[in-house]
Amino acid sequence: MYAKSVGHEFSYHMGVNERHLTSSTRRRLSPQQLVDQEVKSARSRRLVSEASGSTATGTSTVLSSGSSEYWNWCDTDNSFSYSVCSSVKSQQNCGSCWAFAAADAIETAVVIAENASAAVSLSPQQFLTCSTLETTQTFDYCWASDNGVDGATWMEQEIKWESQNNGCNGGMTHGAFIDAAQNSWGLVTELTMPYDDSGSSSVASDNSSSACSISANETAASITGWEQIVGADCTASSNCTILLRSALEKQPIAVAINSEDPFGDYAGGFYNCPNDGDLSSKDDVNHALLLVGYGTDATEGDYWILKNSYGSSWGASGFMKLVADSKVNCGLNIFPVIPTGASAGVAASTSVDSGGDKVFVGLSPTAWIAVAAVTTIFTMVSTAIGMLVSNRRIKTIRKQNSAMYAARNQNNAQNAAR
């Protein structure tokens, strides 16, 4: 450990929560089931209030931050008035939440930076295969005191976090950002590098392998850096929830959460952090996901909207409403990071979103269905015309042959009479 004035150094990675990787059949689905779910998710992306809620309790708070009462980057309630998110994905039986959170964050950052009409789904597998960074990064928590914070007494104003990305064995989202930026990776789509969770007990590959050498024609996105978005400056407010809301209005934020029970069983409604929102140690912050919005409910108070990577059958079509609290928001305040310098590559216009509504060469799914329908009808009509012409030709040939045969018989009869 480092001295108190510098802050503790913790060795840490997220994504290894054995119960959630092995016990839930929701994340053991066939490819067709996953496609069906993602299509359903994309069609019902707007979150609606659910009647049911978690039985856990927490400390709710209503803020007066000057922000709007509802914001959702994966819906129309944002500064773009349309969703900047790709469809919900499933990490299946792999501790790869950190890679999915990184891909989701970069996808949305590209849409915002480029004013794009839709997100192109990037490959989490690229991070699993290529991101093996071992790093120590200092995070600032200006809202913490010498005695920690309410709900996390181990917190300090500055903490050094040591981590290494290790494939399905876990990793950190900011480590993926650092690798992508420092190595100037061209980030590819899921079509180019499909997801494979079969390496759940193995480590990531060497990032110098040929699989990690991406050509410009394959590049769908890139970033130049990353940033801890909340914690370095408390000039505007010492309330980290207000700071998080303000930052969220600029772009979605990769965050981490306490995913212990009953997180894995969440099926919709408002979720309260277990243990009354208290985090007894750093190990309670163990799952990465994307913070995409916030809202205020008349009964529950303020809440956060999170996009998870457990598939669209989990939660509210793959999303969660987490009740905000005056502590550390179930861990959201610990690792709020964003990619910076996001831009689209040439492959962004020739790619498909991973499930749900597709974006392919700039056409919507409906447009492609129409093209396919027209092509099918044209083929059927052409075939019918061809068969009709063929039948007529066959009939003509038969008539000609019959006439020739009759004439030949007549000649033969005349010759015989002579």
Foldseek 3Di string as FASTA:
>chain_A
DDDLVAAAEAEDFFQDDPCLLPPDCLLVDDPVVQQVLQQVCQVVVDDDADPDEDPADAAFDFDDLVDDQKFFLQQLRAPLRGHQFFTFAALHNFSLLLLQQLQRQLQSVACLVVVDPYGFRFASVLCLAAQFDWDKDKFAAQLADSQGFVQERSDDRIYIYTYTAWHRNGTHNQSSLCCQQVVVFQIAGCVVPPDDRVCRPGGHHHNVDPVRDDDLQRRFKGFNHKDQQFHPDQPVHSQRVSSVQVSLSSGKWKFWAQCPPPNSQAAEHEYEAHPNNHDHDPVSGHGIWIWGMWHQDPPLGIWTKTAGRNGLRHYPRRIHTYRAHRTCSRGRSPRTMHTHRMHTGNCNQAGFRDHHWTRHNNDTPVVVVVVVVVVVVVVVVVVVVVVVVVVVVVVVVVVVVVVVVVVVVVVVVVVVVD
